[in-house]
Amino acid sequence: MSISLTDSPRQAGRPREFDLDAALDKAILAFRERGYHAASIADLAKAMDLTAGSLYKAFKDKRAIFVAALERYTSLRNTGLRGRIQGLATGRERLRAVLDFYVDSAHDLEGRRGCLVVGSAVELVTFDEDLSELVSLALRRNEALLIGLIRQGQADGSVNPHLGAHQAARTLLCVLLGMRVIGKTGRRHDDMADITDLALKVLD
C-alpha cells in the first residue's frame, strides 16, 4: 500500500547521510513500543542512532517521521502478507494464511511490541484528524483485501456463496485487530493458535 507523505522528508538534491530505511525501521519500533505522543524527538533520535541535527535534515518534525514510518511499516507488512497468500489455490486458503499471519505477529516479543496501525488507531483518533485518517486508510485497505479474498472463495466454492462479503470481512478484521491488542499482553503462540479455525467458521 502507498500513503502519500504530507511533509517532504528531505530537500531535493541533499545527499543522505544515513540509511533511511534502516533508520525508519528503528523509528517504527519506537512508535510501536511508546506510541506517537510518548515518543519524543530525543527518543526517536536515540532509537534511530541519529543526532537531532541529522534527524531534522531528513524530516521536518516528529509528524513527518511518523508518516514515513507508517508508510514503511504498512509496506513491509503488506509485502509479507502477499508472500503468505501467493500461490494458494482458494480464497479460503488465502484467508487462513491471513489469519495465521496475524497469529504469528500476536505473541511473545512481537506481540508485546504491538501493531503500529492498531495502536495508532486507538491513540490518534481523538487527537489528530489527519494522522487518524492515514491510519483509517490502512484499516480500510485491510478490509478491502478481506472482501476480495472472500469473494474469491465464493467464486471457487470454498466460501458460502450466500454470505455477505462486507459483513464477513468486517468480522474477520475485528478478529485480526483483536489479536494484536491481546498480543500486547504477552500471550504465547499456543494461546492464539486456535483462533484461525474458529474465525474461519464465519465463512461457512
N, C-alpha and C. Protein backbone atom coordinates (compact mmCIF):
# COMPACT_ATOMS: atom_id res chain seq x y z
N MET A 1 0.83 -1.18 0.00
CA MET A 1 0.00 0.00 0.00
C MET A 1 0.87 1.23 0.00
N SER A 2 0.36 2.34 -0.45
CA SER A 2 1.13 3.57 -0.55
C SER A 2 0.39 4.70 0.12
N ILE A 3 1.06 5.42 0.99
CA ILE A 3 0.49 6.58 1.65
C ILE A 3 1.34 7.78 1.26
N SER A 4 0.76 8.81 0.70
CA SER A 4 1.50 9.99 0.31
C SER A 4 2.00 10.72 1.54
N LEU A 5 3.26 11.14 1.52
CA LEU A 5 3.81 11.89 2.63
C LEU A 5 3.28 13.32 2.57
N THR A 6 2.78 13.79 3.68
CA THR A 6 2.25 15.15 3.71
C THR A 6 3.36 16.18 3.86
N ASP A 7 4.50 15.78 4.40
CA ASP A 7 5.64 16.68 4.53
C ASP A 7 6.82 16.05 3.79
N SER A 8 7.51 16.82 2.97
CA SER A 8 8.67 16.31 2.27
C SER A 8 9.74 15.92 3.26
N PRO A 9 10.25 14.66 3.23
CA PRO A 9 11.19 14.22 4.24
C PRO A 9 12.57 14.84 4.13
N ARG A 10 12.94 15.41 2.95
CA ARG A 10 14.27 15.97 2.79
C ARG A 10 14.26 16.91 1.60
N GLN A 11 15.17 17.82 1.55
CA GLN A 11 15.26 18.73 0.44
C GLN A 11 15.85 18.03 -0.76
N ALA A 12 15.33 18.35 -1.95
CA ALA A 12 15.81 17.73 -3.18
C ALA A 12 17.29 18.02 -3.36
N GLY A 13 18.04 16.98 -3.73
CA GLY A 13 19.44 17.14 -4.03
C GLY A 13 20.38 17.06 -2.83
N ARG A 14 19.85 17.05 -1.63
CA ARG A 14 20.72 16.96 -0.45
C ARG A 14 21.16 15.51 -0.26
N PRO A 15 22.45 15.24 -0.19
CA PRO A 15 22.91 13.85 -0.03
C PRO A 15 22.46 13.28 1.31
N ARG A 16 21.96 12.08 1.31
CA ARG A 16 21.51 11.44 2.54
C ARG A 16 22.72 10.90 3.29
N GLU A 17 22.77 11.16 4.59
CA GLU A 17 23.94 10.81 5.38
C GLU A 17 23.77 9.48 6.11
N PHE A 18 22.64 8.81 5.93
CA PHE A 18 22.40 7.56 6.63
C PHE A 18 21.42 6.73 5.81
N ASP A 19 21.28 5.46 6.19
CA ASP A 19 20.35 4.55 5.53
C ASP A 19 18.95 4.87 6.04
N LEU A 20 18.12 5.49 5.19
CA LEU A 20 16.81 5.94 5.62
C LEU A 20 15.93 4.79 6.05
N ASP A 21 15.91 3.70 5.28
CA ASP A 21 15.05 2.56 5.62
C ASP A 21 15.44 1.95 6.96
N ALA A 22 16.75 1.81 7.19
CA ALA A 22 17.21 1.25 8.47
C ALA A 22 16.81 2.16 9.62
N ALA A 23 16.92 3.48 9.41
CA ALA A 23 16.53 4.42 10.46
C ALA A 23 15.03 4.36 10.72
N LEU A 24 14.24 4.25 9.65
CA LEU A 24 12.79 4.17 9.82
C LEU A 24 12.38 2.89 10.52
N ASP A 25 13.09 1.80 10.25
CA ASP A 25 12.78 0.54 10.95
C ASP A 25 12.94 0.72 12.46
N LYS A 26 13.93 1.48 12.86
CA LYS A 26 14.14 1.73 14.29
C LYS A 26 13.07 2.68 14.83
N ALA A 27 12.67 3.64 14.00
CA ALA A 27 11.59 4.55 14.42
C ALA A 27 10.28 3.78 14.59
N ILE A 28 10.04 2.82 13.71
CA ILE A 28 8.83 2.01 13.81
C ILE A 28 8.77 1.33 15.17
N LEU A 29 9.89 0.75 15.60
CA LEU A 29 9.91 0.08 16.90
C LEU A 29 9.62 1.06 18.03
N ALA A 30 10.20 2.26 17.93
CA ALA A 30 9.97 3.26 18.98
C ALA A 30 8.50 3.66 19.05
N PHE A 31 7.88 3.88 17.89
CA PHE A 31 6.47 4.25 17.88
C PHE A 31 5.58 3.10 18.33
N ARG A 32 5.93 1.87 17.96
CA ARG A 32 5.13 0.72 18.37
C ARG A 32 5.18 0.54 19.88
N GLU A 33 6.34 0.71 20.46
CA GLU A 33 6.50 0.44 21.88
C GLU A 33 6.05 1.60 22.76
N ARG A 34 6.23 2.85 22.29
CA ARG A 34 5.92 4.02 23.11
C ARG A 34 4.62 4.70 22.73
N GLY A 35 4.22 4.58 21.45
CA GLY A 35 3.08 5.35 20.96
C GLY A 35 3.55 6.67 20.38
N TYR A 36 2.69 7.30 19.63
CA TYR A 36 3.06 8.54 18.94
C TYR A 36 3.35 9.67 19.93
N HIS A 37 2.47 9.90 20.87
CA HIS A 37 2.62 11.05 21.76
C HIS A 37 3.77 10.89 22.74
N ALA A 38 3.99 9.68 23.22
CA ALA A 38 5.04 9.46 24.22
C ALA A 38 6.44 9.45 23.62
N ALA A 39 6.55 9.19 22.32
CA ALA A 39 7.86 9.15 21.68
C ALA A 39 8.30 10.57 21.34
N SER A 40 9.28 11.07 22.08
CA SER A 40 9.78 12.42 21.84
C SER A 40 10.81 12.41 20.72
N ILE A 41 11.15 13.60 20.23
CA ILE A 41 12.21 13.70 19.22
C ILE A 41 13.52 13.11 19.78
N ALA A 42 13.80 13.38 21.04
CA ALA A 42 15.01 12.82 21.66
C ALA A 42 14.96 11.30 21.67
N ASP A 43 13.80 10.74 22.00
CA ASP A 43 13.64 9.28 21.98
C ASP A 43 13.88 8.72 20.58
N LEU A 44 13.31 9.39 19.59
CA LEU A 44 13.43 8.92 18.21
C LEU A 44 14.87 9.04 17.71
N ALA A 45 15.54 10.14 18.03
CA ALA A 45 16.92 10.31 17.62
C ALA A 45 17.80 9.21 18.22
N LYS A 46 17.56 8.89 19.49
CA LYS A 46 18.32 7.83 20.14
C LYS A 46 18.02 6.48 19.51
N ALA A 47 16.74 6.20 19.28
CA ALA A 47 16.34 4.92 18.69
C ALA A 47 16.90 4.76 17.29
N MET A 48 16.92 5.85 16.52
CA MET A 48 17.37 5.81 15.13
C MET A 48 18.88 5.97 14.98
N ASP A 49 19.58 6.13 16.12
CA ASP A 49 21.04 6.33 16.13
C ASP A 49 21.44 7.55 15.31
N LEU A 50 20.70 8.64 15.50
CA LEU A 50 20.97 9.88 14.77
C LEU A 50 21.09 11.04 15.75
N THR A 51 21.83 12.04 15.35
CA THR A 51 21.82 13.28 16.10
C THR A 51 20.55 14.05 15.74
N ALA A 52 20.17 14.97 16.59
CA ALA A 52 18.99 15.79 16.30
C ALA A 52 19.18 16.55 15.00
N GLY A 53 20.41 17.00 14.74
CA GLY A 53 20.68 17.72 13.50
C GLY A 53 20.44 16.86 12.28
N SER A 54 20.94 15.62 12.30
CA SER A 54 20.73 14.71 11.18
C SER A 54 19.26 14.39 11.00
N LEU A 55 18.56 14.27 12.12
CA LEU A 55 17.13 13.96 12.05
C LEU A 55 16.37 15.09 11.36
N TYR A 56 16.69 16.32 11.73
CA TYR A 56 15.96 17.45 11.15
C TYR A 56 16.39 17.75 9.72
N LYS A 57 17.55 17.24 9.30
CA LYS A 57 17.92 17.37 7.90
C LYS A 57 17.05 16.47 7.02
N ALA A 58 16.61 15.34 7.59
CA ALA A 58 15.83 14.37 6.81
C ALA A 58 14.34 14.56 6.98
N PHE A 59 13.90 15.05 8.13
CA PHE A 59 12.47 15.15 8.42
C PHE A 59 12.15 16.52 9.01
N LYS A 60 11.01 17.02 8.66
CA LYS A 60 10.59 18.34 9.15
C LYS A 60 10.32 18.32 10.65
N ASP A 61 9.67 17.24 11.12
CA ASP A 61 9.28 17.17 12.52
C ASP A 61 8.87 15.74 12.85
N LYS A 62 8.41 15.53 14.08
CA LYS A 62 8.01 14.19 14.51
C LYS A 62 6.88 13.64 13.65
N ARG A 63 5.98 14.50 13.28
CA ARG A 63 4.85 14.09 12.45
C ARG A 63 5.33 13.48 11.14
N ALA A 64 6.32 14.12 10.51
CA ALA A 64 6.86 13.61 9.25
C ALA A 64 7.55 12.26 9.45
N ILE A 65 8.24 12.10 10.58
CA ILE A 65 8.87 10.80 10.88
C ILE A 65 7.79 9.73 11.00
N PHE A 66 6.72 10.05 11.71
CA PHE A 66 5.65 9.07 11.90
C PHE A 66 5.01 8.69 10.57
N VAL A 67 4.73 9.65 9.71
CA VAL A 67 4.09 9.35 8.43
C VAL A 67 4.99 8.44 7.59
N ALA A 68 6.30 8.74 7.56
CA ALA A 68 7.23 7.90 6.81
C ALA A 68 7.33 6.51 7.43
N ALA A 69 7.34 6.44 8.77
CA ALA A 69 7.42 5.15 9.45
C ALA A 69 6.17 4.32 9.20
N LEU A 70 5.00 4.97 9.22
CA LEU A 70 3.76 4.26 8.96
C LEU A 70 3.73 3.72 7.54
N GLU A 71 4.20 4.52 6.59
CA GLU A 71 4.25 4.08 5.20
C GLU A 71 5.14 2.86 5.05
N ARG A 72 6.31 2.91 5.67
CA ARG A 72 7.23 1.76 5.56
C ARG A 72 6.65 0.54 6.29
N TYR A 73 6.08 0.75 7.46
CA TYR A 73 5.52 -0.37 8.21
C TYR A 73 4.44 -1.09 7.42
N THR A 74 3.49 -0.34 6.86
CA THR A 74 2.41 -0.97 6.11
C THR A 74 2.93 -1.62 4.84
N SER A 75 3.94 -1.01 4.21
CA SER A 75 4.51 -1.61 3.01
C SER A 75 5.18 -2.94 3.31
N LEU A 76 5.96 -2.98 4.39
CA LEU A 76 6.63 -4.24 4.78
C LEU A 76 5.61 -5.31 5.17
N ARG A 77 4.59 -4.91 5.92
CA ARG A 77 3.57 -5.88 6.33
C ARG A 77 2.82 -6.43 5.11
N ASN A 78 2.48 -5.55 4.18
CA ASN A 78 1.73 -5.99 3.01
C ASN A 78 2.57 -6.90 2.13
N THR A 79 3.87 -6.61 2.03
CA THR A 79 4.76 -7.49 1.26
C THR A 79 4.83 -8.87 1.90
N GLY A 80 4.95 -8.90 3.23
CA GLY A 80 4.98 -10.19 3.92
C GLY A 80 3.68 -10.96 3.76
N LEU A 81 2.56 -10.24 3.81
CA LEU A 81 1.27 -10.89 3.67
C LEU A 81 1.07 -11.42 2.26
N ARG A 82 1.46 -10.65 1.26
CA ARG A 82 1.35 -11.13 -0.13
C ARG A 82 2.17 -12.41 -0.32
N GLY A 83 3.34 -12.46 0.32
CA GLY A 83 4.16 -13.67 0.22
C GLY A 83 3.47 -14.88 0.81
N ARG A 84 2.68 -14.67 1.87
CA ARG A 84 1.96 -15.78 2.51
C ARG A 84 0.84 -16.32 1.63
N ILE A 85 0.12 -15.45 0.93
CA ILE A 85 -1.06 -15.90 0.19
C ILE A 85 -0.75 -16.26 -1.26
N GLN A 86 0.43 -15.86 -1.73
CA GLN A 86 0.78 -16.14 -3.13
C GLN A 86 0.85 -17.63 -3.38
N GLY A 87 0.23 -18.06 -4.45
CA GLY A 87 0.28 -19.46 -4.85
C GLY A 87 -0.74 -20.37 -4.20
N LEU A 88 -1.52 -19.86 -3.23
CA LEU A 88 -2.55 -20.69 -2.61
C LEU A 88 -3.74 -20.81 -3.55
N ALA A 89 -4.41 -21.96 -3.49
CA ALA A 89 -5.37 -22.30 -4.54
C ALA A 89 -6.73 -21.63 -4.39
N THR A 90 -7.21 -21.46 -3.17
CA THR A 90 -8.58 -20.99 -2.97
C THR A 90 -8.63 -19.74 -2.09
N GLY A 91 -9.75 -19.04 -2.16
CA GLY A 91 -9.94 -17.88 -1.31
C GLY A 91 -9.89 -18.24 0.16
N ARG A 92 -10.45 -19.37 0.51
CA ARG A 92 -10.45 -19.78 1.93
C ARG A 92 -9.04 -20.06 2.40
N GLU A 93 -8.23 -20.69 1.59
CA GLU A 93 -6.83 -20.94 1.96
C GLU A 93 -6.08 -19.63 2.16
N ARG A 94 -6.35 -18.66 1.30
CA ARG A 94 -5.70 -17.36 1.44
C ARG A 94 -6.16 -16.65 2.71
N LEU A 95 -7.43 -16.77 3.04
CA LEU A 95 -7.93 -16.17 4.28
C LEU A 95 -7.31 -16.84 5.49
N ARG A 96 -7.14 -18.14 5.44
CA ARG A 96 -6.46 -18.85 6.54
C ARG A 96 -5.03 -18.33 6.69
N ALA A 97 -4.37 -18.10 5.56
CA ALA A 97 -3.00 -17.60 5.61
C ALA A 97 -2.94 -16.21 6.23
N VAL A 98 -3.94 -15.38 5.93
CA VAL A 98 -4.00 -14.04 6.53
C VAL A 98 -4.16 -14.15 8.05
N LEU A 99 -5.07 -14.99 8.48
CA LEU A 99 -5.29 -15.17 9.92
C LEU A 99 -4.03 -15.71 10.60
N ASP A 100 -3.39 -16.69 9.98
CA ASP A 100 -2.16 -17.25 10.55
C ASP A 100 -1.05 -16.20 10.60
N PHE A 101 -1.00 -15.33 9.61
CA PHE A 101 -0.02 -14.24 9.59
C PHE A 101 -0.18 -13.35 10.82
N TYR A 102 -1.42 -13.06 11.17
CA TYR A 102 -1.68 -12.24 12.36
C TYR A 102 -1.42 -13.01 13.64
N VAL A 103 -1.73 -14.29 13.66
CA VAL A 103 -1.42 -15.11 14.83
C VAL A 103 0.08 -15.07 15.10
N ASP A 104 0.88 -15.20 14.03
CA ASP A 104 2.33 -15.19 14.18
C ASP A 104 2.86 -13.86 14.69
N SER A 105 2.08 -12.79 14.51
CA SER A 105 2.50 -11.46 14.94
C SER A 105 1.98 -11.08 16.32
N ALA A 106 1.18 -11.94 16.91
CA ALA A 106 0.43 -11.55 18.11
C ALA A 106 0.86 -12.31 19.36
N HIS A 107 2.09 -12.77 19.42
CA HIS A 107 2.54 -13.47 20.62
C HIS A 107 3.99 -13.13 20.92
N ASP A 108 4.39 -13.41 22.15
CA ASP A 108 5.76 -13.23 22.61
C ASP A 108 6.24 -11.79 22.36
N LEU A 109 7.52 -11.59 22.00
CA LEU A 109 8.08 -10.25 21.87
C LEU A 109 7.38 -9.44 20.79
N GLU A 110 7.15 -10.04 19.63
CA GLU A 110 6.49 -9.32 18.55
C GLU A 110 5.09 -8.88 18.96
N GLY A 111 4.39 -9.73 19.67
CA GLY A 111 3.06 -9.37 20.15
C GLY A 111 3.10 -8.22 21.15
N ARG A 112 4.07 -8.23 22.06
CA ARG A 112 4.17 -7.17 23.06
C ARG A 112 4.52 -5.83 22.44
N ARG A 113 5.27 -5.86 21.34
CA ARG A 113 5.59 -4.60 20.66
C ARG A 113 4.35 -3.97 20.04
N GLY A 114 3.40 -4.79 19.67
CA GLY A 114 2.15 -4.27 19.15
C GLY A 114 2.20 -3.90 17.68
N CYS A 115 1.06 -3.53 17.17
CA CYS A 115 0.89 -3.16 15.76
C CYS A 115 0.85 -1.64 15.68
N LEU A 116 1.65 -1.05 14.80
CA LEU A 116 1.68 0.40 14.66
C LEU A 116 0.32 0.94 14.22
N VAL A 117 -0.36 0.22 13.34
CA VAL A 117 -1.66 0.68 12.86
C VAL A 117 -2.70 0.61 13.97
N VAL A 118 -2.79 -0.52 14.65
CA VAL A 118 -3.80 -0.69 15.69
C VAL A 118 -3.56 0.27 16.85
N GLY A 119 -2.32 0.36 17.30
CA GLY A 119 -2.01 1.25 18.40
C GLY A 119 -2.31 2.70 18.05
N SER A 120 -1.98 3.09 16.84
CA SER A 120 -2.21 4.47 16.41
C SER A 120 -3.69 4.75 16.23
N ALA A 121 -4.45 3.76 15.80
CA ALA A 121 -5.90 3.96 15.64
C ALA A 121 -6.53 4.33 16.96
N VAL A 122 -6.08 3.69 18.02
CA VAL A 122 -6.63 3.98 19.35
C VAL A 122 -6.12 5.32 19.86
N GLU A 123 -4.85 5.60 19.64
CA GLU A 123 -4.23 6.78 20.24
C GLU A 123 -4.58 8.07 19.52
N LEU A 124 -4.69 8.03 18.20
CA LEU A 124 -4.77 9.27 17.42
C LEU A 124 -6.19 9.69 17.05
N VAL A 125 -7.16 8.82 17.25
CA VAL A 125 -8.50 9.09 16.72
C VAL A 125 -9.09 10.39 17.25
N THR A 126 -8.79 10.75 18.49
CA THR A 126 -9.39 11.96 19.06
C THR A 126 -8.41 13.13 19.14
N PHE A 127 -7.15 12.93 18.68
CA PHE A 127 -6.15 13.97 18.87
C PHE A 127 -5.62 14.56 17.56
N ASP A 128 -5.63 13.81 16.49
CA ASP A 128 -5.04 14.30 15.25
C ASP A 128 -5.83 13.74 14.08
N GLU A 129 -6.68 14.57 13.51
CA GLU A 129 -7.59 14.10 12.47
C GLU A 129 -6.85 13.62 11.23
N ASP A 130 -5.79 14.34 10.83
CA ASP A 130 -5.07 13.96 9.61
C ASP A 130 -4.33 12.64 9.77
N LEU A 131 -3.62 12.48 10.88
CA LEU A 131 -2.92 11.22 11.10
C LEU A 131 -3.90 10.08 11.32
N SER A 132 -5.00 10.37 11.99
CA SER A 132 -6.03 9.36 12.18
C SER A 132 -6.57 8.87 10.84
N GLU A 133 -6.70 9.78 9.88
CA GLU A 133 -7.20 9.39 8.56
C GLU A 133 -6.22 8.47 7.84
N LEU A 134 -4.91 8.70 8.01
CA LEU A 134 -3.92 7.80 7.41
C LEU A 134 -4.04 6.39 7.99
N VAL A 135 -4.24 6.32 9.29
CA VAL A 135 -4.40 5.02 9.95
C VAL A 135 -5.70 4.37 9.49
N SER A 136 -6.77 5.14 9.40
CA SER A 136 -8.05 4.61 8.95
C SER A 136 -7.95 4.08 7.53
N LEU A 137 -7.17 4.75 6.69
CA LEU A 137 -6.96 4.29 5.33
C LEU A 137 -6.31 2.91 5.31
N ALA A 138 -5.32 2.71 6.17
CA ALA A 138 -4.67 1.40 6.25
C ALA A 138 -5.67 0.32 6.66
N LEU A 139 -6.55 0.63 7.61
CA LEU A 139 -7.56 -0.34 8.04
C LEU A 139 -8.57 -0.62 6.94
N ARG A 140 -8.96 0.41 6.20
CA ARG A 140 -9.91 0.20 5.10
C ARG A 140 -9.30 -0.67 4.01
N ARG A 141 -8.02 -0.51 3.77
CA ARG A 141 -7.36 -1.35 2.76
C ARG A 141 -7.26 -2.79 3.23
N ASN A 142 -7.05 -2.99 4.53
CA ASN A 142 -7.06 -4.36 5.05
C ASN A 142 -8.44 -4.99 4.88
N GLU A 143 -9.47 -4.21 5.15
CA GLU A 143 -10.83 -4.72 4.99
C GLU A 143 -11.13 -5.03 3.52
N ALA A 144 -10.65 -4.18 2.61
CA ALA A 144 -10.86 -4.42 1.19
C ALA A 144 -10.17 -5.70 0.73
N LEU A 145 -8.99 -5.97 1.28
CA LEU A 145 -8.30 -7.22 0.97
C LEU A 145 -9.15 -8.41 1.39
N LEU A 146 -9.69 -8.36 2.61
CA LEU A 146 -10.52 -9.46 3.10
C LEU A 146 -11.77 -9.64 2.24
N ILE A 147 -12.40 -8.54 1.85
CA ILE A 147 -13.58 -8.63 0.98
C ILE A 147 -13.22 -9.33 -0.32
N GLY A 148 -12.09 -8.94 -0.91
CA GLY A 148 -11.66 -9.57 -2.16
C GLY A 148 -11.40 -11.06 -2.01
N LEU A 149 -10.78 -11.46 -0.91
CA LEU A 149 -10.49 -12.88 -0.70
C LEU A 149 -11.77 -13.68 -0.45
N ILE A 150 -12.71 -13.07 0.27
CA ILE A 150 -13.99 -13.75 0.50
C ILE A 150 -14.71 -13.96 -0.83
N ARG A 151 -14.72 -12.95 -1.67
CA ARG A 151 -15.37 -13.09 -2.97
C ARG A 151 -14.66 -14.10 -3.86
N GLN A 152 -13.34 -14.20 -3.74
CA GLN A 152 -12.62 -15.25 -4.46
C GLN A 152 -13.08 -16.62 -3.97
N GLY A 153 -13.20 -16.75 -2.66
CA GLY A 153 -13.66 -18.01 -2.09
C GLY A 153 -15.07 -18.36 -2.52
N GLN A 154 -15.93 -17.36 -2.63
CA GLN A 154 -17.29 -17.61 -3.10
C GLN A 154 -17.29 -18.05 -4.56
N ALA A 155 -16.38 -17.50 -5.34
CA ALA A 155 -16.30 -17.87 -6.75
C ALA A 155 -15.74 -19.28 -6.94
N ASP A 156 -14.82 -19.69 -6.07
CA ASP A 156 -14.23 -21.02 -6.24
C ASP A 156 -14.92 -22.09 -5.39
N GLY A 157 -15.95 -21.70 -4.63
CA GLY A 157 -16.73 -22.67 -3.87
C GLY A 157 -16.21 -22.98 -2.48
N SER A 158 -15.18 -22.27 -2.03
CA SER A 158 -14.63 -22.57 -0.70
C SER A 158 -15.24 -21.73 0.41
N VAL A 159 -16.07 -20.74 0.04
CA VAL A 159 -16.76 -19.88 1.00
C VAL A 159 -18.24 -19.86 0.66
N ASN A 160 -19.08 -19.83 1.67
CA ASN A 160 -20.53 -19.80 1.49
C ASN A 160 -20.93 -18.69 0.50
N PRO A 161 -21.54 -19.04 -0.62
CA PRO A 161 -21.88 -18.03 -1.63
C PRO A 161 -22.96 -17.05 -1.19
N HIS A 162 -23.71 -17.37 -0.15
CA HIS A 162 -24.78 -16.50 0.33
C HIS A 162 -24.31 -15.55 1.43
N LEU A 163 -23.06 -15.66 1.77
CA LEU A 163 -22.51 -14.84 2.84
C LEU A 163 -22.34 -13.39 2.37
N GLY A 164 -22.67 -12.42 3.22
CA GLY A 164 -22.40 -11.02 2.91
C GLY A 164 -20.91 -10.75 3.04
N ALA A 165 -20.25 -10.48 1.91
CA ALA A 165 -18.79 -10.34 1.92
C ALA A 165 -18.33 -9.18 2.81
N HIS A 166 -19.03 -8.07 2.76
CA HIS A 166 -18.63 -6.91 3.56
C HIS A 166 -18.77 -7.20 5.05
N GLN A 167 -19.88 -7.80 5.44
CA GLN A 167 -20.09 -8.08 6.85
C GLN A 167 -19.10 -9.12 7.37
N ALA A 168 -18.84 -10.15 6.57
CA ALA A 168 -17.89 -11.18 6.98
C ALA A 168 -16.48 -10.61 7.08
N ALA A 169 -16.11 -9.75 6.12
CA ALA A 169 -14.79 -9.14 6.15
C ALA A 169 -14.61 -8.27 7.38
N ARG A 170 -15.65 -7.52 7.73
CA ARG A 170 -15.56 -6.65 8.91
C ARG A 170 -15.42 -7.48 10.18
N THR A 171 -16.11 -8.62 10.21
CA THR A 171 -15.99 -9.52 11.36
C THR A 171 -14.57 -10.05 11.49
N LEU A 172 -14.01 -10.50 10.36
CA LEU A 172 -12.64 -11.02 10.39
C LEU A 172 -11.64 -9.93 10.74
N LEU A 173 -11.89 -8.70 10.25
CA LEU A 173 -11.00 -7.60 10.58
C LEU A 173 -10.99 -7.35 12.09
N CYS A 174 -12.16 -7.43 12.70
CA CYS A 174 -12.23 -7.26 14.16
C CYS A 174 -11.44 -8.34 14.87
N VAL A 175 -11.48 -9.56 14.35
CA VAL A 175 -10.70 -10.65 14.94
C VAL A 175 -9.21 -10.35 14.82
N LEU A 176 -8.78 -9.90 13.63
CA LEU A 176 -7.37 -9.62 13.39
C LEU A 176 -6.87 -8.50 14.31
N LEU A 177 -7.64 -7.44 14.41
CA LEU A 177 -7.24 -6.33 15.26
C LEU A 177 -7.24 -6.74 16.74
N GLY A 178 -8.22 -7.55 17.11
CA GLY A 178 -8.27 -8.04 18.48
C GLY A 178 -7.05 -8.88 18.84
N MET A 179 -6.57 -9.66 17.88
CA MET A 179 -5.36 -10.44 18.12
C MET A 179 -4.19 -9.55 18.51
N ARG A 180 -4.04 -8.43 17.76
CA ARG A 180 -2.90 -7.55 18.03
C ARG A 180 -3.04 -6.86 19.38
N VAL A 181 -4.27 -6.54 19.78
CA VAL A 181 -4.48 -5.93 21.09
C VAL A 181 -4.15 -6.92 22.20
N ILE A 182 -4.68 -8.14 22.08
CA ILE A 182 -4.41 -9.16 23.09
C ILE A 182 -2.93 -9.52 23.12
N GLY A 183 -2.29 -9.50 21.94
CA GLY A 183 -0.87 -9.82 21.87
C GLY A 183 -0.01 -8.89 22.70
N LYS A 184 -0.49 -7.65 22.95
CA LYS A 184 0.26 -6.71 23.77
C LYS A 184 0.43 -7.19 25.21
N THR A 185 -0.41 -8.13 25.63
CA THR A 185 -0.33 -8.64 27.00
C THR A 185 0.68 -9.77 27.14
N GLY A 186 1.36 -10.13 26.03
CA GLY A 186 2.41 -11.13 26.11
C GLY A 186 1.92 -12.56 26.01
N ARG A 187 0.89 -12.80 25.23
CA ARG A 187 0.38 -14.16 25.07
C ARG A 187 1.41 -15.05 24.38
N ARG A 188 1.31 -16.35 24.65
CA ARG A 188 2.14 -17.33 23.97
C ARG A 188 1.48 -17.74 22.66
N HIS A 189 2.26 -18.35 21.78
CA HIS A 189 1.71 -18.78 20.49
C HIS A 189 0.57 -19.76 20.69
N ASP A 190 0.71 -20.66 21.66
CA ASP A 190 -0.34 -21.66 21.89
C ASP A 190 -1.67 -21.02 22.29
N ASP A 191 -1.60 -19.84 22.91
CA ASP A 191 -2.83 -19.15 23.30
C ASP A 191 -3.60 -18.62 22.10
N MET A 192 -2.90 -18.40 20.99
CA MET A 192 -3.50 -17.77 19.82
C MET A 192 -3.80 -18.76 18.69
N ALA A 193 -3.21 -19.95 18.75
CA ALA A 193 -3.21 -20.85 17.61
C ALA A 193 -4.59 -21.33 17.19
N ASP A 194 -5.53 -21.45 18.12
CA ASP A 194 -6.86 -21.97 17.79
C ASP A 194 -7.78 -20.92 17.17
N ILE A 195 -7.35 -19.68 17.17
CA ILE A 195 -8.24 -18.61 16.69
C ILE A 195 -8.56 -18.77 15.22
N THR A 196 -7.61 -19.21 14.42
CA THR A 196 -7.83 -19.31 12.98
C THR A 196 -8.99 -20.23 12.65
N ASP A 197 -9.00 -21.42 13.22
CA ASP A 197 -10.07 -22.38 12.92
C ASP A 197 -11.44 -21.83 13.31
N LEU A 198 -11.52 -21.20 14.46
CA LEU A 198 -12.80 -20.65 14.90
C LEU A 198 -13.24 -19.48 14.03
N ALA A 199 -12.31 -18.62 13.67
CA ALA A 199 -12.66 -17.45 12.84
C ALA A 199 -13.13 -17.88 11.45
N LEU A 200 -12.56 -18.92 10.92
CA LEU A 200 -12.93 -19.37 9.59
C LEU A 200 -14.36 -19.92 9.52
N LYS A 201 -14.93 -20.26 10.68
CA LYS A 201 -16.32 -20.73 10.68
C LYS A 201 -17.28 -19.63 10.23
N VAL A 202 -16.84 -18.40 10.30
CA VAL A 202 -17.65 -17.28 9.78
C VAL A 202 -17.94 -17.48 8.29
N LEU A 203 -17.07 -18.19 7.60
CA LEU A 203 -17.19 -18.33 6.15
C LEU A 203 -18.10 -19.48 5.73
N ASP A 204 -18.58 -20.28 6.68
CA ASP A 204 -19.39 -21.47 6.36
C ASP A 204 -20.83 -21.08 6.03
